[in-house]
Amino acid sequence: MVVGNILMIIAQVIYYVFSTLINLLIWFLTSVLPTLITFIGLPMFFIGIIMAIGLTGGSVLFFIVTSVGLYYFVKKAVFESSPQLVFNNKNNNNSSSSNKIKM
């Protein structure tokens, strides 16, 4: 009889602990978590979207500026250049000896 009473008390304590934990979990999931999501999660989400758009816009702008700069650099360096060979000039007095080619 004494062992049965002790087992009943232990079972009631275990039931009380688990029921309290379940009630605490239900309270957390139904009141605290929606509040956190509403007042912290959503603003953080929208701030993240704004930052992603800003960083992407900066990267695209950098790509466009670099592409335009390279275009004009290549255009000027290749198509508007008139290279002259050093050995075509017969009076080449200010050049090093490696540039003096005798033909």
Protein backbone atom coordinates (compact mmCIF):
# COMPACT_ATOMS: atom_id res chain seq x y z
CA MET A 1 0.00 0.00 0.00
CA VAL A 2 2.80 2.40 0.84
CA VAL A 3 4.61 1.60 -2.42
CA GLY A 4 1.42 2.27 -4.40
CA ASN A 5 0.99 5.67 -2.75
CA ILE A 6 4.62 6.60 -3.47
CA LEU A 7 4.23 5.56 -7.13
CA MET A 8 1.05 7.62 -7.38
CA ILE A 9 2.83 10.68 -5.95
CA ILE A 10 5.73 10.23 -8.39
CA ALA A 11 3.31 9.84 -11.30
CA GLN A 12 1.44 13.00 -10.27
CA VAL A 13 4.69 14.97 -10.00
CA ILE A 14 5.79 13.77 -13.46
CA TYR A 15 2.34 14.61 -14.87
CA TYR A 16 2.45 18.08 -13.27
CA VAL A 17 5.93 18.82 -14.65
CA PHE A 18 5.00 17.70 -18.17
CA SER A 19 1.65 19.50 -18.15
CA THR A 20 3.37 22.70 -16.95
CA LEU A 21 5.97 22.40 -19.71
CA ILE A 22 3.28 21.82 -22.33
CA ASN A 23 1.27 24.82 -21.08
CA LEU A 24 4.44 26.95 -21.14
CA LEU A 25 5.21 25.79 -24.68
CA ILE A 26 1.65 26.58 -25.82
CA TRP A 27 1.85 30.02 -24.19
CA PHE A 28 5.22 30.71 -25.85
CA LEU A 29 4.05 29.58 -29.28
CA THR A 30 0.75 31.48 -29.15
CA SER A 31 1.71 34.77 -27.50
CA VAL A 32 5.46 35.43 -27.31
CA LEU A 33 6.61 34.05 -30.66
CA PRO A 34 4.04 35.93 -32.80
CA THR A 35 4.95 39.13 -30.95
CA LEU A 36 8.64 38.59 -31.64
CA ILE A 37 7.97 37.81 -35.29
CA THR A 38 5.70 40.83 -35.71
CA PHE A 39 7.82 43.47 -33.97
CA ILE A 40 11.35 42.16 -34.61
CA GLY A 41 11.27 39.60 -37.41
CA LEU A 42 9.30 41.51 -40.04
CA PRO A 43 11.27 44.77 -39.72
CA MET A 44 14.52 42.81 -39.89
CA PHE A 45 13.25 41.01 -42.99
CA PHE A 46 12.33 44.26 -44.75
CA ILE A 47 15.63 45.89 -43.74
CA GLY A 48 17.40 42.87 -45.24
CA ILE A 49 15.49 43.25 -48.48
CA ILE A 50 16.39 46.95 -48.67
CA MET A 51 20.06 46.20 -47.97
CA ALA A 52 20.14 43.46 -50.61
CA ILE A 53 18.64 45.77 -53.21
CA GLY A 54 21.13 48.49 -52.28
CA LEU A 55 24.14 46.20 -52.47
CA THR A 56 22.95 44.70 -55.73
CA GLY A 57 22.40 48.16 -57.17
CA GLY A 58 25.91 49.16 -56.15
CA SER A 59 27.38 46.07 -57.78
CA VAL A 60 25.44 46.65 -60.98
CA LEU A 61 26.49 50.31 -61.03
CA PHE A 62 30.13 49.30 -60.50
CA PHE A 63 29.87 46.79 -63.35
CA ILE A 64 28.36 49.37 -65.71
CA VAL A 65 30.96 52.03 -64.87
CA THR A 66 33.81 49.52 -65.26
CA SER A 67 32.44 48.25 -68.58
CA VAL A 68 32.07 51.76 -70.00
CA GLY A 69 35.56 52.68 -68.80
CA LEU A 70 37.09 49.58 -70.35
CA TYR A 71 35.20 50.21 -73.58
CA TYR A 72 36.61 53.72 -73.95
CA PHE A 73 40.07 52.59 -72.86
CA VAL A 74 40.18 49.82 -75.45
CA LYS A 75 38.66 52.08 -78.10
CA LYS A 76 41.30 54.74 -77.53
CA ALA A 77 44.19 52.30 -77.09
CA VAL A 78 43.47 50.12 -80.11
CA PHE A 79 41.47 52.01 -82.68
CA GLU A 80 42.80 55.54 -82.29
CA SER A 81 46.45 54.71 -81.84
CA SER A 82 49.11 55.14 -84.48
CA PRO A 83 52.13 53.19 -83.33
CA GLN A 84 55.43 54.04 -84.98
CA LEU A 85 58.26 51.61 -85.09
CA VAL A 86 61.49 52.94 -83.71
CA PHE A 87 63.63 51.50 -86.48
CA ASN A 88 61.61 53.33 -89.14
CA ASN A 89 63.01 56.59 -87.92
CA LYS A 90 66.52 56.97 -89.43
CA ASN A 91 67.48 59.81 -87.10
CA ASN A 92 66.96 57.94 -83.86
CA ASN A 93 69.40 59.74 -81.57
CA ASN A 94 67.61 59.54 -78.20
CA SER A 95 67.01 55.83 -78.06
CA SER A 96 68.85 53.05 -76.36
CA SER A 97 71.12 50.70 -78.23
CA SER A 98 68.54 47.92 -78.16
CA ASN A 99 66.25 50.01 -80.34
CA LYS A 100 68.84 50.64 -83.03
CA ILE A 101 68.23 48.04 -85.66
CA LYS A 102 70.36 48.14 -88.74
CA MET A 103 68.85 47.05 -92.00
